[in-house]
Amino acid sequence: MRVFVDTSAFFAVIDQDDGNHERALKQWSALLVPENVLVTTNYVVVEAATLIHRRLGPRAAAAFHADMMPLVHVQFVSAQQHGAAVAASLLAARRGPSIVDCASFEVMRGLGVADAFTFDRHFTAQGFDVKP
């Protein structure tokens, strides 16, 4: 099974003070089996790395890159997907999904990925199966 990993999931796994930390750790461990392929976008990597660095410091950011990223396939957002994400984000209401989320949706649909490891409600609203 292919599972998309979102920023909220990466952060919850790393931050022991995150309210979703325990659930995130259990889900992360459950996903790390050979039959699963974990996927994310380069946009999510930048967003997650920045969030982790700013909130948890450079050691946590280094751990994210060294320990988590080798386990995840990074799909680069194409120019077409970027344009669609910008348009969708601008059309959304103020509390709508971000450009990063919209790019994630575009990539997931393009790859046929239906499952997302996330704590972001926008994925459910877009019709994806959310874990945990």
N, C-alpha and C. Protein backbone atom coordinates (compact mmCIF):
# COMPACT_ATOMS: atom_id res chain seq x y z
N MET A 1 0.85 -1.17 0.00
CA MET A 1 0.00 0.00 0.00
C MET A 1 0.90 1.24 0.00
N ARG A 2 0.51 2.25 -0.76
CA ARG A 2 1.20 3.53 -0.75
C ARG A 2 0.46 4.48 0.19
N VAL A 3 1.21 5.16 1.04
CA VAL A 3 0.64 6.08 2.02
C VAL A 3 1.39 7.40 1.93
N PHE A 4 0.64 8.47 1.80
CA PHE A 4 1.22 9.81 1.77
C PHE A 4 1.45 10.27 3.21
N VAL A 5 2.61 10.85 3.48
CA VAL A 5 2.93 11.36 4.82
C VAL A 5 2.96 12.88 4.77
N ASP A 6 2.15 13.49 5.62
CA ASP A 6 2.01 14.95 5.67
C ASP A 6 2.86 15.56 6.79
N THR A 7 3.04 16.85 6.72
CA THR A 7 3.81 17.60 7.71
C THR A 7 3.33 17.33 9.13
N SER A 8 2.03 17.34 9.33
CA SER A 8 1.48 17.14 10.69
C SER A 8 1.89 15.80 11.26
N ALA A 9 2.00 14.79 10.44
CA ALA A 9 2.42 13.46 10.90
C ALA A 9 3.90 13.45 11.24
N PHE A 10 4.73 13.99 10.36
CA PHE A 10 6.17 14.07 10.64
C PHE A 10 6.41 14.79 11.97
N PHE A 11 5.75 15.93 12.15
CA PHE A 11 5.96 16.71 13.35
C PHE A 11 5.49 15.97 14.60
N ALA A 12 4.33 15.34 14.53
CA ALA A 12 3.80 14.62 15.69
C ALA A 12 4.69 13.44 16.07
N VAL A 13 5.30 12.79 15.11
CA VAL A 13 6.23 11.69 15.42
C VAL A 13 7.44 12.21 16.17
N ILE A 14 7.97 13.35 15.77
CA ILE A 14 9.21 13.87 16.34
C ILE A 14 9.00 14.61 17.65
N ASP A 15 7.92 15.36 17.77
CA ASP A 15 7.71 16.20 18.95
C ASP A 15 7.00 15.44 20.07
N GLN A 16 7.73 15.12 21.11
CA GLN A 16 7.17 14.37 22.23
C GLN A 16 6.08 15.13 22.98
N ASP A 17 6.03 16.44 22.80
CA ASP A 17 5.01 17.26 23.46
C ASP A 17 3.76 17.46 22.60
N ASP A 18 3.80 16.99 21.37
CA ASP A 18 2.64 17.12 20.49
C ASP A 18 1.49 16.26 21.03
N GLY A 19 0.29 16.78 20.98
CA GLY A 19 -0.88 16.05 21.47
C GLY A 19 -1.15 14.75 20.74
N ASN A 20 -0.64 14.62 19.54
CA ASN A 20 -0.84 13.41 18.74
C ASN A 20 0.39 12.50 18.74
N HIS A 21 1.38 12.80 19.57
CA HIS A 21 2.65 12.08 19.52
C HIS A 21 2.50 10.56 19.68
N GLU A 22 1.80 10.11 20.68
CA GLU A 22 1.67 8.66 20.92
C GLU A 22 0.97 7.97 19.75
N ARG A 23 -0.12 8.54 19.29
CA ARG A 23 -0.83 7.96 18.13
C ARG A 23 0.05 7.98 16.90
N ALA A 24 0.80 9.06 16.72
CA ALA A 24 1.67 9.18 15.56
C ALA A 24 2.78 8.13 15.59
N LEU A 25 3.38 7.92 16.75
CA LEU A 25 4.44 6.91 16.86
C LEU A 25 3.91 5.51 16.54
N LYS A 26 2.73 5.19 17.06
CA LYS A 26 2.12 3.88 16.77
C LYS A 26 1.84 3.73 15.28
N GLN A 27 1.30 4.77 14.67
CA GLN A 27 0.98 4.71 13.24
C GLN A 27 2.26 4.61 12.41
N TRP A 28 3.27 5.40 12.74
CA TRP A 28 4.55 5.38 12.03
C TRP A 28 5.13 3.97 12.07
N SER A 29 5.15 3.37 13.25
CA SER A 29 5.68 2.01 13.40
C SER A 29 4.88 1.01 12.57
N ALA A 30 3.56 1.16 12.57
CA ALA A 30 2.70 0.26 11.81
C ALA A 30 2.92 0.39 10.31
N LEU A 31 3.27 1.59 9.86
CA LEU A 31 3.48 1.82 8.43
C LEU A 31 4.84 1.32 7.94
N LEU A 32 5.77 1.16 8.84
CA LEU A 32 7.12 0.77 8.44
C LEU A 32 7.24 -0.74 8.25
N VAL A 33 6.50 -1.24 7.29
CA VAL A 33 6.57 -2.65 6.90
C VAL A 33 6.89 -2.70 5.42
N PRO A 34 7.52 -3.78 4.97
CA PRO A 34 7.98 -3.83 3.57
C PRO A 34 6.90 -3.63 2.51
N GLU A 35 5.67 -4.01 2.79
CA GLU A 35 4.63 -3.87 1.77
C GLU A 35 4.11 -2.45 1.61
N ASN A 36 4.52 -1.55 2.48
CA ASN A 36 4.11 -0.16 2.37
C ASN A 36 5.19 0.69 1.72
N VAL A 37 4.74 1.65 0.91
CA VAL A 37 5.63 2.66 0.34
C VAL A 37 5.14 4.00 0.87
N LEU A 38 5.99 4.68 1.61
CA LEU A 38 5.64 5.98 2.14
C LEU A 38 6.08 7.04 1.14
N VAL A 39 5.18 7.99 0.89
CA VAL A 39 5.39 9.02 -0.12
C VAL A 39 5.10 10.39 0.48
N THR A 40 5.85 11.37 0.06
CA THR A 40 5.57 12.76 0.41
C THR A 40 6.03 13.62 -0.76
N THR A 41 5.86 14.93 -0.64
CA THR A 41 6.35 15.82 -1.68
C THR A 41 7.53 16.64 -1.17
N ASN A 42 8.26 17.20 -2.10
CA ASN A 42 9.34 18.09 -1.72
C ASN A 42 8.80 19.31 -0.97
N TYR A 43 7.58 19.72 -1.26
CA TYR A 43 6.98 20.84 -0.54
C TYR A 43 6.78 20.49 0.93
N VAL A 44 6.28 19.27 1.20
CA VAL A 44 6.08 18.82 2.57
C VAL A 44 7.42 18.71 3.30
N VAL A 45 8.44 18.22 2.62
CA VAL A 45 9.76 18.11 3.25
C VAL A 45 10.24 19.49 3.70
N VAL A 46 10.12 20.48 2.85
CA VAL A 46 10.54 21.84 3.20
C VAL A 46 9.70 22.38 4.36
N GLU A 47 8.39 22.20 4.27
CA GLU A 47 7.50 22.70 5.32
C GLU A 47 7.79 22.01 6.66
N ALA A 48 7.92 20.69 6.64
CA ALA A 48 8.18 19.93 7.87
C ALA A 48 9.55 20.27 8.45
N ALA A 49 10.56 20.32 7.61
CA ALA A 49 11.90 20.63 8.08
C ALA A 49 11.96 22.02 8.71
N THR A 50 11.29 22.97 8.10
CA THR A 50 11.27 24.33 8.64
C THR A 50 10.54 24.37 9.98
N LEU A 51 9.39 23.72 10.06
CA LEU A 51 8.61 23.68 11.29
C LEU A 51 9.41 23.02 12.42
N ILE A 52 10.00 21.89 12.12
CA ILE A 52 10.78 21.16 13.12
C ILE A 52 11.99 21.99 13.58
N HIS A 53 12.68 22.59 12.63
CA HIS A 53 13.85 23.41 12.98
C HIS A 53 13.46 24.59 13.86
N ARG A 54 12.40 25.28 13.49
CA ARG A 54 11.99 26.47 14.24
C ARG A 54 11.46 26.14 15.62
N ARG A 55 10.68 25.06 15.72
CA ARG A 55 10.04 24.75 17.01
C ARG A 55 10.89 23.84 17.90
N LEU A 56 11.68 22.97 17.31
CA LEU A 56 12.39 21.97 18.10
C LEU A 56 13.90 22.08 18.02
N GLY A 57 14.40 22.88 17.07
CA GLY A 57 15.83 23.12 16.98
C GLY A 57 16.55 22.30 15.92
N PRO A 58 17.82 22.63 15.71
CA PRO A 58 18.59 22.00 14.63
C PRO A 58 18.83 20.49 14.83
N ARG A 59 18.96 20.04 16.06
CA ARG A 59 19.16 18.59 16.28
C ARG A 59 17.95 17.79 15.82
N ALA A 60 16.77 18.28 16.14
CA ALA A 60 15.54 17.60 15.71
C ALA A 60 15.42 17.63 14.20
N ALA A 61 15.78 18.75 13.58
CA ALA A 61 15.73 18.85 12.12
C ALA A 61 16.71 17.88 11.49
N ALA A 62 17.90 17.76 12.08
CA ALA A 62 18.89 16.81 11.57
C ALA A 62 18.38 15.38 11.69
N ALA A 63 17.72 15.07 12.81
CA ALA A 63 17.15 13.73 13.00
C ALA A 63 16.06 13.45 11.97
N PHE A 64 15.25 14.45 11.68
CA PHE A 64 14.21 14.30 10.66
C PHE A 64 14.83 13.90 9.33
N HIS A 65 15.86 14.62 8.92
CA HIS A 65 16.51 14.33 7.64
C HIS A 65 17.25 12.99 7.65
N ALA A 66 17.93 12.69 8.74
CA ALA A 66 18.76 11.48 8.80
C ALA A 66 17.96 10.21 9.08
N ASP A 67 16.94 10.31 9.92
CA ASP A 67 16.24 9.11 10.37
C ASP A 67 14.92 8.83 9.65
N MET A 68 14.20 9.88 9.31
CA MET A 68 12.88 9.68 8.72
C MET A 68 12.90 9.73 7.19
N MET A 69 13.58 10.72 6.65
CA MET A 69 13.51 10.92 5.20
C MET A 69 14.04 9.75 4.37
N PRO A 70 15.05 9.00 4.83
CA PRO A 70 15.46 7.84 4.03
C PRO A 70 14.37 6.77 3.88
N LEU A 71 13.35 6.83 4.71
CA LEU A 71 12.27 5.84 4.69
C LEU A 71 11.10 6.26 3.80
N VAL A 72 11.20 7.47 3.23
CA VAL A 72 10.08 8.04 2.48
C VAL A 72 10.52 8.42 1.07
N HIS A 73 9.70 8.07 0.09
CA HIS A 73 9.96 8.48 -1.29
C HIS A 73 9.47 9.92 -1.45
N VAL A 74 10.33 10.79 -1.94
CA VAL A 74 9.96 12.20 -2.15
C VAL A 74 9.61 12.40 -3.62
N GLN A 75 8.36 12.79 -3.84
CA GLN A 75 7.86 13.08 -5.18
C GLN A 75 7.93 14.59 -5.39
N PHE A 76 8.65 15.01 -6.41
CA PHE A 76 8.76 16.44 -6.68
C PHE A 76 7.51 16.95 -7.39
N VAL A 77 7.00 18.08 -6.94
CA VAL A 77 5.81 18.69 -7.51
C VAL A 77 6.17 19.27 -8.87
N SER A 78 5.38 18.92 -9.88
CA SER A 78 5.63 19.44 -11.23
C SER A 78 5.11 20.87 -11.35
N ALA A 79 5.50 21.53 -12.40
CA ALA A 79 5.01 22.89 -12.66
C ALA A 79 3.49 22.90 -12.81
N GLN A 80 2.97 21.89 -13.48
CA GLN A 80 1.52 21.80 -13.67
C GLN A 80 0.81 21.58 -12.32
N GLN A 81 1.35 20.70 -11.50
CA GLN A 81 0.76 20.46 -10.18
C GLN A 81 0.85 21.70 -9.30
N HIS A 82 1.96 22.40 -9.40
CA HIS A 82 2.12 23.64 -8.64
C HIS A 82 1.05 24.66 -9.05
N GLY A 83 0.87 24.83 -10.34
CA GLY A 83 -0.14 25.78 -10.83
C GLY A 83 -1.54 25.41 -10.36
N ALA A 84 -1.88 24.14 -10.42
CA ALA A 84 -3.19 23.68 -9.95
C ALA A 84 -3.33 23.90 -8.45
N ALA A 85 -2.25 23.69 -7.69
CA ALA A 85 -2.28 23.87 -6.24
C ALA A 85 -2.48 25.34 -5.89
N VAL A 86 -1.79 26.23 -6.58
CA VAL A 86 -1.95 27.67 -6.33
C VAL A 86 -3.38 28.08 -6.63
N ALA A 87 -3.91 27.65 -7.76
CA ALA A 87 -5.28 28.00 -8.12
C ALA A 87 -6.28 27.49 -7.10
N ALA A 88 -6.13 26.24 -6.68
CA ALA A 88 -7.06 25.66 -5.70
C ALA A 88 -6.97 26.37 -4.36
N SER A 89 -5.76 26.70 -3.94
CA SER A 89 -5.58 27.38 -2.67
C SER A 89 -6.19 28.78 -2.69
N LEU A 90 -6.04 29.48 -3.81
CA LEU A 90 -6.60 30.83 -3.92
C LEU A 90 -8.13 30.81 -3.97
N LEU A 91 -8.69 29.72 -4.49
CA LEU A 91 -10.15 29.59 -4.55
C LEU A 91 -10.76 29.17 -3.22
N ALA A 92 -9.95 28.59 -2.36
CA ALA A 92 -10.44 28.10 -1.08
C ALA A 92 -10.76 29.27 -0.14
N ALA A 93 -11.60 28.98 0.81
CA ALA A 93 -11.91 29.99 1.83
C ALA A 93 -10.66 30.26 2.67
N ARG A 94 -10.73 31.27 3.47
CA ARG A 94 -9.57 31.68 4.28
C ARG A 94 -9.01 30.52 5.10
N ARG A 95 -9.83 29.65 5.60
CA ARG A 95 -9.40 28.50 6.40
C ARG A 95 -9.21 27.25 5.55
N GLY A 96 -9.18 27.44 4.25
CA GLY A 96 -9.01 26.31 3.33
C GLY A 96 -7.60 25.78 3.35
N PRO A 97 -7.36 24.77 2.55
CA PRO A 97 -6.03 24.16 2.52
C PRO A 97 -4.98 25.10 1.95
N SER A 98 -3.76 24.91 2.41
CA SER A 98 -2.62 25.71 1.96
C SER A 98 -2.17 25.25 0.57
N ILE A 99 -1.26 25.99 -0.01
CA ILE A 99 -0.68 25.58 -1.29
C ILE A 99 0.03 24.24 -1.13
N VAL A 100 0.71 24.04 -0.01
CA VAL A 100 1.40 22.76 0.23
C VAL A 100 0.38 21.63 0.28
N ASP A 101 -0.73 21.83 0.98
CA ASP A 101 -1.78 20.80 1.02
C ASP A 101 -2.35 20.54 -0.37
N CYS A 102 -2.66 21.59 -1.08
CA CYS A 102 -3.23 21.43 -2.43
C CYS A 102 -2.25 20.72 -3.37
N ALA A 103 -0.97 21.01 -3.24
CA ALA A 103 0.03 20.30 -4.04
C ALA A 103 0.06 18.83 -3.63
N SER A 104 -0.08 18.55 -2.35
CA SER A 104 -0.14 17.17 -1.88
C SER A 104 -1.32 16.44 -2.50
N PHE A 105 -2.48 17.09 -2.53
CA PHE A 105 -3.67 16.47 -3.12
C PHE A 105 -3.45 16.16 -4.60
N GLU A 106 -2.84 17.11 -5.31
CA GLU A 106 -2.56 16.92 -6.74
C GLU A 106 -1.64 15.72 -6.95
N VAL A 107 -0.59 15.64 -6.17
CA VAL A 107 0.37 14.54 -6.30
C VAL A 107 -0.29 13.21 -5.93
N MET A 108 -1.04 13.21 -4.85
CA MET A 108 -1.71 11.97 -4.43
C MET A 108 -2.65 11.46 -5.52
N ARG A 109 -3.43 12.36 -6.07
CA ARG A 109 -4.35 11.94 -7.15
C ARG A 109 -3.57 11.45 -8.37
N GLY A 110 -2.51 12.14 -8.71
CA GLY A 110 -1.69 11.75 -9.85
C GLY A 110 -1.06 10.38 -9.69
N LEU A 111 -0.68 10.05 -8.45
CA LEU A 111 -0.06 8.76 -8.18
C LEU A 111 -1.07 7.67 -7.81
N GLY A 112 -2.32 8.07 -7.63
CA GLY A 112 -3.33 7.10 -7.23
C GLY A 112 -3.21 6.69 -5.76
N VAL A 113 -2.71 7.59 -4.93
CA VAL A 113 -2.56 7.32 -3.49
C VAL A 113 -3.82 7.79 -2.78
N ALA A 114 -4.48 6.87 -2.09
CA ALA A 114 -5.74 7.18 -1.42
C ALA A 114 -5.60 7.37 0.08
N ASP A 115 -4.48 6.92 0.65
CA ASP A 115 -4.29 6.95 2.09
C ASP A 115 -3.28 8.01 2.50
N ALA A 116 -3.57 8.71 3.60
CA ALA A 116 -2.67 9.75 4.09
C ALA A 116 -2.46 9.58 5.58
N PHE A 117 -1.22 9.67 5.99
CA PHE A 117 -0.86 9.73 7.41
C PHE A 117 -0.76 11.21 7.74
N THR A 118 -1.77 11.69 8.43
CA THR A 118 -1.89 13.13 8.69
C THR A 118 -2.84 13.38 9.85
N PHE A 119 -2.74 14.54 10.42
CA PHE A 119 -3.69 15.01 11.42
C PHE A 119 -4.40 16.26 10.91
N ASP A 120 -4.31 16.50 9.62
CA ASP A 120 -4.88 17.67 8.95
C ASP A 120 -6.25 17.31 8.38
N ARG A 121 -7.27 17.99 8.82
CA ARG A 121 -8.65 17.71 8.40
C ARG A 121 -8.90 17.94 6.92
N HIS A 122 -8.05 18.71 6.27
CA HIS A 122 -8.26 18.99 4.85
C HIS A 122 -8.14 17.74 3.99
N PHE A 123 -7.36 16.77 4.41
CA PHE A 123 -7.22 15.53 3.64
C PHE A 123 -8.53 14.74 3.63
N THR A 124 -9.19 14.69 4.78
CA THR A 124 -10.49 14.01 4.86
C THR A 124 -11.51 14.74 3.98
N ALA A 125 -11.50 16.06 4.04
CA ALA A 125 -12.43 16.86 3.25
C ALA A 125 -12.23 16.64 1.75
N GLN A 126 -11.02 16.27 1.34
CA GLN A 126 -10.72 16.01 -0.06
C GLN A 126 -11.02 14.56 -0.46
N GLY A 127 -11.48 13.75 0.50
CA GLY A 127 -11.89 12.39 0.19
C GLY A 127 -10.81 11.33 0.38
N PHE A 128 -9.71 11.67 1.01
CA PHE A 128 -8.66 10.70 1.25
C PHE A 128 -8.91 9.94 2.55
N ASP A 129 -8.45 8.72 2.62
CA ASP A 129 -8.54 7.91 3.84
C ASP A 129 -7.38 8.32 4.75
N VAL A 130 -7.71 8.79 5.93
CA VAL A 130 -6.72 9.34 6.84
C VAL A 130 -6.37 8.34 7.93
N LYS A 131 -5.07 8.23 8.14
CA LYS A 131 -4.54 7.41 9.23
C LYS A 131 -3.89 8.35 10.22
N PRO A 132 -3.96 8.16 11.50
CA PRO A 132 -4.56 7.04 12.21
C PRO A 132 -6.06 7.15 12.34
